[in-house]
Amino acid sequence: MSQPVFRHHWDINDVATALGISPAAARDFFLDGRRGGHLIEEVAARHTGGVRAPSEKAPYDVIDSAGRRWEVRALTKNGVRFTPSIQTGGGREYDETRFLAKLDGVVGYYIANLTRFPDVPFYQLSSAQIRAWHTSDKMSKGRLTYLQAKALFVD
């Protein structure tokens, strides 16, 4: 188990007001990793003193102040995926070769535990650690369930 490397707190009332929705709707919005993805990338870039990738097509999300490339992912009640985005979604299939190439292309992942929104802890996992979980069969097809994540790294 690891400790978060940082936390980001959103004021849920400010978020709701800015979006013109109720605080409950704002919470539901952020619990969905697809919706909060770009925002957590921005938070991770700011925290690392870096920048977001120049394009959505880049094979990484953030370049930190040392020039290292990171992916940023959301942990939700459905777990977290480490596979390339081309392997995520309905009708898309897991390809181990592409998954391992993804791990080779980034130093690691920042994982935002959106189940804790609005006080979101961010964890830092190295690609080597994720590869070790893959090799030891602690994950399936490049993903962890929420319970697996809790057992491996979530405090």
N, C-alpha and C. Protein backbone atom coordinates (compact mmCIF):
# COMPACT_ATOMS: atom_id res chain seq x y z
N MET A 1 0.83 -1.18 0.00
CA MET A 1 0.00 0.00 0.00
C MET A 1 0.88 1.25 0.00
N SER A 2 0.46 2.23 -0.74
CA SER A 2 1.25 3.46 -0.79
C SER A 2 0.42 4.65 -0.37
N GLN A 3 1.10 5.69 -0.02
CA GLN A 3 0.44 6.93 0.33
C GLN A 3 0.27 7.79 -0.92
N PRO A 4 -0.76 8.60 -0.97
CA PRO A 4 -0.89 9.51 -2.12
C PRO A 4 0.30 10.46 -2.18
N VAL A 5 0.71 10.81 -3.39
CA VAL A 5 1.80 11.78 -3.55
C VAL A 5 1.28 13.20 -3.41
N PHE A 6 0.01 13.40 -3.67
CA PHE A 6 -0.64 14.68 -3.41
C PHE A 6 -2.14 14.48 -3.43
N ARG A 7 -2.85 15.49 -2.97
CA ARG A 7 -4.32 15.50 -2.99
C ARG A 7 -4.77 16.80 -3.65
N HIS A 8 -5.89 16.71 -4.30
CA HIS A 8 -6.49 17.92 -4.86
C HIS A 8 -7.92 18.00 -4.35
N HIS A 9 -8.27 19.16 -3.83
CA HIS A 9 -9.62 19.35 -3.30
C HIS A 9 -10.38 20.33 -4.19
N TRP A 10 -11.53 19.89 -4.65
CA TRP A 10 -12.44 20.76 -5.38
C TRP A 10 -13.53 21.19 -4.41
N ASP A 11 -13.89 22.46 -4.44
CA ASP A 11 -15.04 22.94 -3.67
C ASP A 11 -16.28 22.57 -4.47
N ILE A 12 -17.01 21.59 -3.99
CA ILE A 12 -18.12 21.04 -4.76
C ILE A 12 -19.20 22.08 -5.05
N ASN A 13 -19.40 23.03 -4.13
CA ASN A 13 -20.39 24.08 -4.36
C ASN A 13 -19.94 25.03 -5.47
N ASP A 14 -18.64 25.36 -5.48
CA ASP A 14 -18.10 26.21 -6.56
C ASP A 14 -18.19 25.50 -7.91
N VAL A 15 -17.87 24.20 -7.92
CA VAL A 15 -17.95 23.42 -9.16
C VAL A 15 -19.39 23.40 -9.67
N ALA A 16 -20.31 23.11 -8.77
CA ALA A 16 -21.72 23.04 -9.15
C ALA A 16 -22.21 24.38 -9.70
N THR A 17 -21.85 25.46 -9.02
CA THR A 17 -22.25 26.79 -9.47
C THR A 17 -21.66 27.09 -10.85
N ALA A 18 -20.38 26.79 -11.03
CA ALA A 18 -19.73 27.05 -12.31
C ALA A 18 -20.37 26.26 -13.45
N LEU A 19 -20.81 25.04 -13.16
CA LEU A 19 -21.43 24.21 -14.18
C LEU A 19 -22.93 24.44 -14.31
N GLY A 20 -23.49 25.17 -13.36
CA GLY A 20 -24.93 25.43 -13.39
C GLY A 20 -25.76 24.20 -13.06
N ILE A 21 -25.23 23.36 -12.18
CA ILE A 21 -25.93 22.13 -11.77
C ILE A 21 -25.91 22.03 -10.25
N SER A 22 -26.62 21.06 -9.73
CA SER A 22 -26.65 20.86 -8.28
C SER A 22 -25.35 20.23 -7.81
N PRO A 23 -25.00 20.40 -6.52
CA PRO A 23 -23.82 19.71 -5.99
C PRO A 23 -23.88 18.19 -6.18
N ALA A 24 -25.07 17.60 -6.05
CA ALA A 24 -25.21 16.15 -6.25
C ALA A 24 -24.89 15.77 -7.70
N ALA A 25 -25.35 16.57 -8.64
CA ALA A 25 -25.06 16.31 -10.05
C ALA A 25 -23.57 16.49 -10.34
N ALA A 26 -22.95 17.48 -9.71
CA ALA A 26 -21.51 17.71 -9.88
C ALA A 26 -20.73 16.50 -9.36
N ARG A 27 -21.14 15.98 -8.22
CA ARG A 27 -20.47 14.80 -7.66
C ARG A 27 -20.61 13.63 -8.62
N ASP A 28 -21.81 13.37 -9.12
CA ASP A 28 -22.02 12.28 -10.06
C ASP A 28 -21.17 12.46 -11.32
N PHE A 29 -21.07 13.70 -11.78
CA PHE A 29 -20.27 14.01 -12.96
C PHE A 29 -18.82 13.58 -12.76
N PHE A 30 -18.26 13.94 -11.60
CA PHE A 30 -16.85 13.67 -11.35
C PHE A 30 -16.56 12.22 -10.97
N LEU A 31 -17.56 11.47 -10.57
CA LEU A 31 -17.34 10.07 -10.25
C LEU A 31 -17.13 9.22 -11.50
N ASP A 32 -17.44 9.78 -12.66
CA ASP A 32 -17.25 9.11 -13.94
C ASP A 32 -15.88 9.52 -14.50
N GLY A 33 -14.96 8.58 -14.57
CA GLY A 33 -13.60 8.88 -15.00
C GLY A 33 -13.49 9.45 -16.40
N ARG A 34 -14.43 9.14 -17.27
CA ARG A 34 -14.39 9.69 -18.63
C ARG A 34 -14.61 11.18 -18.62
N ARG A 35 -15.41 11.65 -17.70
CA ARG A 35 -15.73 13.09 -17.65
C ARG A 35 -14.64 13.89 -16.96
N GLY A 36 -14.05 13.35 -15.92
CA GLY A 36 -13.04 14.09 -15.16
C GLY A 36 -11.63 13.95 -15.70
N GLY A 37 -11.46 13.14 -16.75
CA GLY A 37 -10.12 12.83 -17.24
C GLY A 37 -9.25 14.02 -17.58
N HIS A 38 -9.77 14.95 -18.36
CA HIS A 38 -8.97 16.10 -18.77
C HIS A 38 -8.61 16.98 -17.57
N LEU A 39 -9.53 17.09 -16.63
CA LEU A 39 -9.25 17.91 -15.45
C LEU A 39 -8.17 17.29 -14.57
N ILE A 40 -8.20 15.98 -14.40
CA ILE A 40 -7.16 15.37 -13.56
C ILE A 40 -5.80 15.40 -14.27
N GLU A 41 -5.79 15.40 -15.59
CA GLU A 41 -4.53 15.59 -16.32
C GLU A 41 -3.96 16.97 -16.02
N GLU A 42 -4.81 17.97 -16.04
CA GLU A 42 -4.37 19.34 -15.75
C GLU A 42 -3.83 19.45 -14.32
N VAL A 43 -4.51 18.83 -13.38
CA VAL A 43 -4.05 18.85 -11.98
C VAL A 43 -2.69 18.17 -11.86
N ALA A 44 -2.53 17.00 -12.49
CA ALA A 44 -1.25 16.29 -12.42
C ALA A 44 -0.13 17.10 -13.07
N ALA A 45 -0.41 17.74 -14.21
CA ALA A 45 0.61 18.56 -14.86
C ALA A 45 1.04 19.70 -13.95
N ARG A 46 0.07 20.36 -13.35
CA ARG A 46 0.38 21.47 -12.44
C ARG A 46 1.21 20.99 -11.25
N HIS A 47 0.82 19.84 -10.69
CA HIS A 47 1.53 19.32 -9.52
C HIS A 47 2.98 18.96 -9.84
N THR A 48 3.23 18.43 -11.03
CA THR A 48 4.58 18.00 -11.38
C THR A 48 5.44 19.13 -11.95
N GLY A 49 4.85 20.33 -12.05
CA GLY A 49 5.58 21.44 -12.64
C GLY A 49 5.75 21.27 -14.14
N GLY A 50 4.90 20.44 -14.72
CA GLY A 50 5.01 20.13 -16.14
C GLY A 50 3.88 20.70 -16.96
N VAL A 51 3.65 20.04 -18.06
CA VAL A 51 2.61 20.46 -19.00
C VAL A 51 1.85 19.23 -19.50
N ARG A 52 0.64 19.48 -19.96
CA ARG A 52 -0.12 18.40 -20.60
C ARG A 52 0.49 18.11 -21.96
N ALA A 53 0.22 16.93 -22.46
CA ALA A 53 0.70 16.54 -23.78
C ALA A 53 0.20 17.53 -24.82
N PRO A 54 0.95 17.73 -25.90
CA PRO A 54 0.55 18.71 -26.91
C PRO A 54 -0.69 18.32 -27.70
N SER A 55 -1.08 17.05 -27.61
CA SER A 55 -2.22 16.58 -28.39
C SER A 55 -2.86 15.39 -27.69
N GLU A 56 -4.16 15.21 -27.92
CA GLU A 56 -4.87 14.04 -27.38
C GLU A 56 -4.34 12.75 -28.00
N LYS A 57 -3.67 12.85 -29.12
CA LYS A 57 -3.14 11.67 -29.80
C LYS A 57 -1.78 11.24 -29.27
N ALA A 58 -1.17 12.05 -28.40
CA ALA A 58 0.12 11.70 -27.82
C ALA A 58 -0.03 10.43 -26.98
N PRO A 59 1.00 9.60 -26.92
CA PRO A 59 0.92 8.36 -26.15
C PRO A 59 1.17 8.55 -24.64
N TYR A 60 0.99 9.75 -24.16
CA TYR A 60 1.15 10.09 -22.75
C TYR A 60 0.28 11.30 -22.48
N ASP A 61 0.08 11.63 -21.21
CA ASP A 61 -0.79 12.76 -20.85
C ASP A 61 -0.04 13.97 -20.34
N VAL A 62 1.07 13.73 -19.64
CA VAL A 62 1.80 14.81 -18.97
C VAL A 62 3.29 14.63 -19.16
N ILE A 63 3.98 15.75 -19.36
CA ILE A 63 5.44 15.78 -19.31
C ILE A 63 5.80 16.57 -18.07
N ASP A 64 6.51 15.95 -17.12
CA ASP A 64 6.84 16.64 -15.87
C ASP A 64 8.01 17.60 -16.07
N SER A 65 8.40 18.30 -15.01
CA SER A 65 9.46 19.31 -15.11
C SER A 65 10.82 18.72 -15.48
N ALA A 66 10.98 17.41 -15.29
CA ALA A 66 12.23 16.74 -15.66
C ALA A 66 12.16 16.13 -17.07
N GLY A 67 11.06 16.37 -17.78
CA GLY A 67 10.91 15.87 -19.14
C GLY A 67 10.42 14.44 -19.24
N ARG A 68 10.00 13.87 -18.11
CA ARG A 68 9.51 12.49 -18.11
C ARG A 68 8.04 12.45 -18.51
N ARG A 69 7.65 11.39 -19.20
CA ARG A 69 6.28 11.24 -19.69
C ARG A 69 5.47 10.36 -18.75
N TRP A 70 4.26 10.82 -18.44
CA TRP A 70 3.35 10.13 -17.53
C TRP A 70 1.97 9.98 -18.16
N GLU A 71 1.30 8.92 -17.79
CA GLU A 71 -0.12 8.77 -18.09
C GLU A 71 -0.88 9.18 -16.84
N VAL A 72 -2.10 9.66 -17.00
CA VAL A 72 -2.95 10.02 -15.88
C VAL A 72 -4.25 9.24 -16.05
N ARG A 73 -4.63 8.53 -15.01
CA ARG A 73 -5.84 7.71 -15.08
C ARG A 73 -6.69 7.91 -13.85
N ALA A 74 -7.96 7.59 -14.00
CA ALA A 74 -8.93 7.72 -12.91
C ALA A 74 -9.24 6.34 -12.35
N LEU A 75 -9.22 6.24 -11.03
CA LEU A 75 -9.71 5.06 -10.34
C LEU A 75 -11.16 5.35 -9.96
N THR A 76 -12.07 4.51 -10.45
CA THR A 76 -13.48 4.65 -10.14
C THR A 76 -13.98 3.36 -9.51
N LYS A 77 -15.26 3.29 -9.25
CA LYS A 77 -15.82 2.06 -8.68
C LYS A 77 -15.63 0.88 -9.63
N ASN A 78 -15.36 1.16 -10.90
CA ASN A 78 -15.12 0.11 -11.89
C ASN A 78 -13.65 -0.26 -12.04
N GLY A 79 -12.78 0.38 -11.25
CA GLY A 79 -11.36 0.07 -11.30
C GLY A 79 -10.58 1.08 -12.10
N VAL A 80 -9.43 0.63 -12.62
CA VAL A 80 -8.54 1.50 -13.39
C VAL A 80 -7.89 0.67 -14.49
N ARG A 81 -7.75 1.29 -15.67
CA ARG A 81 -7.12 0.62 -16.81
C ARG A 81 -5.78 1.28 -17.11
N PHE A 82 -4.80 0.46 -17.43
CA PHE A 82 -3.48 0.95 -17.79
C PHE A 82 -3.20 0.76 -19.28
N THR A 83 -4.15 0.21 -19.99
CA THR A 83 -3.99 -0.06 -21.42
C THR A 83 -4.08 1.23 -22.23
N PRO A 84 -3.58 1.19 -23.47
CA PRO A 84 -3.75 2.36 -24.34
C PRO A 84 -5.23 2.63 -24.58
N SER A 85 -5.57 3.87 -24.82
CA SER A 85 -6.97 4.24 -25.00
C SER A 85 -7.62 3.51 -26.17
N ILE A 86 -6.84 3.11 -27.13
CA ILE A 86 -7.39 2.37 -28.27
C ILE A 86 -7.98 1.02 -27.84
N GLN A 87 -7.61 0.57 -26.62
CA GLN A 87 -8.10 -0.70 -26.10
C GLN A 87 -9.21 -0.52 -25.06
N THR A 88 -9.69 0.70 -24.90
CA THR A 88 -10.70 0.97 -23.90
C THR A 88 -12.01 1.36 -24.57
N GLY A 89 -13.08 0.71 -24.17
CA GLY A 89 -14.39 1.03 -24.71
C GLY A 89 -15.05 -0.17 -25.35
N GLY A 90 -16.30 -0.02 -25.63
CA GLY A 90 -17.09 -1.10 -26.21
C GLY A 90 -16.53 -1.60 -27.53
N GLY A 91 -16.42 -2.91 -27.65
CA GLY A 91 -15.97 -3.52 -28.89
C GLY A 91 -14.47 -3.49 -29.11
N ARG A 92 -13.72 -2.92 -28.20
CA ARG A 92 -12.27 -2.86 -28.37
C ARG A 92 -11.63 -4.01 -27.59
N GLU A 93 -10.60 -4.58 -28.17
CA GLU A 93 -9.99 -5.76 -27.58
C GLU A 93 -8.64 -5.47 -26.98
N TYR A 94 -8.31 -6.23 -25.95
CA TYR A 94 -7.02 -6.15 -25.28
C TYR A 94 -5.94 -6.75 -26.16
N ASP A 95 -4.82 -6.05 -26.27
CA ASP A 95 -3.65 -6.52 -27.02
C ASP A 95 -2.45 -6.38 -26.10
N GLU A 96 -1.94 -7.49 -25.62
CA GLU A 96 -0.84 -7.46 -24.66
C GLU A 96 0.40 -6.75 -25.20
N THR A 97 0.71 -6.92 -26.47
CA THR A 97 1.88 -6.27 -27.06
C THR A 97 1.75 -4.75 -26.98
N ARG A 98 0.58 -4.23 -27.31
CA ARG A 98 0.35 -2.77 -27.22
C ARG A 98 0.37 -2.29 -25.77
N PHE A 99 -0.19 -3.10 -24.87
CA PHE A 99 -0.18 -2.75 -23.45
C PHE A 99 1.25 -2.63 -22.95
N LEU A 100 2.10 -3.61 -23.25
CA LEU A 100 3.49 -3.58 -22.79
C LEU A 100 4.27 -2.44 -23.44
N ALA A 101 3.97 -2.14 -24.70
CA ALA A 101 4.61 -1.00 -25.37
C ALA A 101 4.21 0.30 -24.68
N LYS A 102 2.95 0.38 -24.24
CA LYS A 102 2.48 1.56 -23.51
C LYS A 102 3.32 1.75 -22.25
N LEU A 103 3.54 0.66 -21.51
CA LEU A 103 4.36 0.74 -20.30
C LEU A 103 5.77 1.20 -20.60
N ASP A 104 6.31 0.77 -21.74
CA ASP A 104 7.67 1.18 -22.13
C ASP A 104 7.75 2.65 -22.51
N GLY A 105 6.63 3.24 -22.90
CA GLY A 105 6.62 4.61 -23.39
C GLY A 105 6.44 5.68 -22.33
N VAL A 106 6.15 5.27 -21.10
CA VAL A 106 5.97 6.24 -20.01
C VAL A 106 6.73 5.77 -18.78
N VAL A 107 7.09 6.74 -17.94
CA VAL A 107 7.79 6.39 -16.71
C VAL A 107 6.82 5.79 -15.69
N GLY A 108 5.56 6.18 -15.82
CA GLY A 108 4.56 5.65 -14.89
C GLY A 108 3.23 6.36 -15.06
N TYR A 109 2.40 6.17 -14.03
CA TYR A 109 1.02 6.66 -14.06
C TYR A 109 0.71 7.44 -12.79
N TYR A 110 -0.04 8.51 -12.95
CA TYR A 110 -0.68 9.17 -11.82
C TYR A 110 -2.12 8.67 -11.81
N ILE A 111 -2.55 8.14 -10.68
CA ILE A 111 -3.89 7.60 -10.55
C ILE A 111 -4.67 8.47 -9.58
N ALA A 112 -5.75 9.08 -10.07
CA ALA A 112 -6.62 9.92 -9.24
C ALA A 112 -7.78 9.06 -8.75
N ASN A 113 -7.91 8.92 -7.45
CA ASN A 113 -9.00 8.13 -6.88
C ASN A 113 -10.26 8.98 -6.84
N LEU A 114 -11.01 8.94 -7.95
CA LEU A 114 -12.20 9.78 -8.05
C LEU A 114 -13.33 9.31 -7.14
N THR A 115 -13.22 8.11 -6.57
CA THR A 115 -14.26 7.67 -5.64
C THR A 115 -14.27 8.54 -4.39
N ARG A 116 -13.20 9.31 -4.19
CA ARG A 116 -13.10 10.19 -3.03
C ARG A 116 -13.47 11.64 -3.33
N PHE A 117 -13.94 11.91 -4.55
CA PHE A 117 -14.29 13.28 -4.92
C PHE A 117 -15.25 13.86 -3.88
N PRO A 118 -15.01 15.08 -3.40
CA PRO A 118 -14.20 16.16 -3.96
C PRO A 118 -12.77 16.25 -3.42
N ASP A 119 -12.37 15.39 -2.48
CA ASP A 119 -11.01 15.40 -1.94
C ASP A 119 -10.27 14.21 -2.56
N VAL A 120 -9.60 14.44 -3.68
CA VAL A 120 -9.08 13.37 -4.52
C VAL A 120 -7.58 13.12 -4.27
N PRO A 121 -7.25 11.92 -3.76
CA PRO A 121 -5.83 11.57 -3.63
C PRO A 121 -5.28 11.09 -4.98
N PHE A 122 -4.04 11.46 -5.27
CA PHE A 122 -3.33 11.02 -6.46
C PHE A 122 -2.18 10.12 -6.04
N TYR A 123 -2.09 8.97 -6.68
CA TYR A 123 -1.03 8.00 -6.42
C TYR A 123 -0.10 7.99 -7.62
N GLN A 124 1.17 7.68 -7.36
CA GLN A 124 2.16 7.60 -8.43
C GLN A 124 2.63 6.15 -8.51
N LEU A 125 2.44 5.54 -9.67
CA LEU A 125 2.85 4.15 -9.88
C LEU A 125 3.82 4.10 -11.05
N SER A 126 4.93 3.41 -10.87
CA SER A 126 5.89 3.29 -11.96
C SER A 126 5.42 2.24 -12.97
N SER A 127 5.87 2.39 -14.18
CA SER A 127 5.56 1.38 -15.20
C SER A 127 6.13 0.03 -14.78
N ALA A 128 7.29 0.04 -14.11
CA ALA A 128 7.89 -1.21 -13.64
C ALA A 128 6.97 -1.92 -12.65
N GLN A 129 6.33 -1.16 -11.76
CA GLN A 129 5.41 -1.77 -10.79
C GLN A 129 4.20 -2.38 -11.49
N ILE A 130 3.66 -1.66 -12.44
CA ILE A 130 2.50 -2.17 -13.17
C ILE A 130 2.87 -3.42 -13.97
N ARG A 131 4.06 -3.40 -14.57
CA ARG A 131 4.54 -4.58 -15.30
C ARG A 131 4.69 -5.77 -14.34
N ALA A 132 5.18 -5.53 -13.14
CA ALA A 132 5.33 -6.61 -12.15
C ALA A 132 3.97 -7.19 -11.78
N TRP A 133 2.96 -6.35 -11.59
CA TRP A 133 1.61 -6.85 -11.30
C TRP A 133 1.09 -7.67 -12.47
N HIS A 134 1.36 -7.21 -13.68
CA HIS A 134 0.93 -7.93 -14.88
C HIS A 134 1.61 -9.31 -14.93
N THR A 135 2.91 -9.33 -14.73
CA THR A 135 3.69 -10.56 -14.81
C THR A 135 3.27 -11.57 -13.73
N SER A 136 2.92 -11.06 -12.57
CA SER A 136 2.54 -11.94 -11.45
C SER A 136 1.04 -12.24 -11.42
N ASP A 137 0.34 -11.87 -12.48
CA ASP A 137 -1.10 -12.11 -12.60
C ASP A 137 -1.93 -11.45 -11.51
N LYS A 138 -1.46 -10.29 -10.99
CA LYS A 138 -2.26 -9.54 -10.02
C LYS A 138 -3.27 -8.64 -10.72
N MET A 139 -3.16 -8.56 -12.04
CA MET A 139 -4.11 -7.78 -12.82
C MET A 139 -4.50 -8.60 -14.04
N SER A 140 -5.61 -8.24 -14.64
CA SER A 140 -6.10 -8.96 -15.80
C SER A 140 -6.27 -8.01 -16.97
N LYS A 141 -5.66 -8.34 -18.07
CA LYS A 141 -5.81 -7.57 -19.31
C LYS A 141 -5.56 -6.08 -19.12
N GLY A 142 -4.51 -5.76 -18.35
CA GLY A 142 -4.12 -4.37 -18.19
C GLY A 142 -5.01 -3.53 -17.31
N ARG A 143 -5.80 -4.18 -16.46
CA ARG A 143 -6.68 -3.40 -15.58
C ARG A 143 -6.73 -4.01 -14.20
N LEU A 144 -7.07 -3.17 -13.25
CA LEU A 144 -7.32 -3.59 -11.87
C LEU A 144 -8.76 -3.25 -11.52
N THR A 145 -9.42 -4.13 -10.80
CA THR A 145 -10.72 -3.78 -10.26
C THR A 145 -10.49 -2.82 -9.10
N TYR A 146 -11.55 -2.21 -8.62
CA TYR A 146 -11.41 -1.31 -7.48
C TYR A 146 -10.87 -2.06 -6.26
N LEU A 147 -11.37 -3.26 -6.01
CA LEU A 147 -10.89 -4.05 -4.87
C LEU A 147 -9.43 -4.44 -5.00
N GLN A 148 -8.99 -4.76 -6.21
CA GLN A 148 -7.58 -5.07 -6.43
C GLN A 148 -6.73 -3.84 -6.17
N ALA A 149 -7.16 -2.68 -6.67
CA ALA A 149 -6.42 -1.44 -6.44
C ALA A 149 -6.32 -1.15 -4.95
N LYS A 150 -7.41 -1.33 -4.21
CA LYS A 150 -7.38 -1.11 -2.76
C LYS A 150 -6.37 -2.03 -2.09
N ALA A 151 -6.29 -3.26 -2.54
CA ALA A 151 -5.36 -4.21 -1.94
C ALA A 151 -3.90 -3.90 -2.30
N LEU A 152 -3.67 -3.32 -3.48
CA LEU A 152 -2.31 -3.10 -3.95
C LEU A 152 -1.74 -1.73 -3.62
N PHE A 153 -2.55 -0.66 -3.72
CA PHE A 153 -1.94 0.65 -3.52
C PHE A 153 -2.82 1.71 -2.89
N VAL A 154 -4.10 1.55 -2.79
CA VAL A 154 -4.97 2.61 -2.27
C VAL A 154 -4.98 2.56 -0.75
N ASP A 155 -4.81 3.74 -0.12
CA ASP A 155 -4.81 3.77 1.35
C ASP A 155 -6.22 3.74 1.90
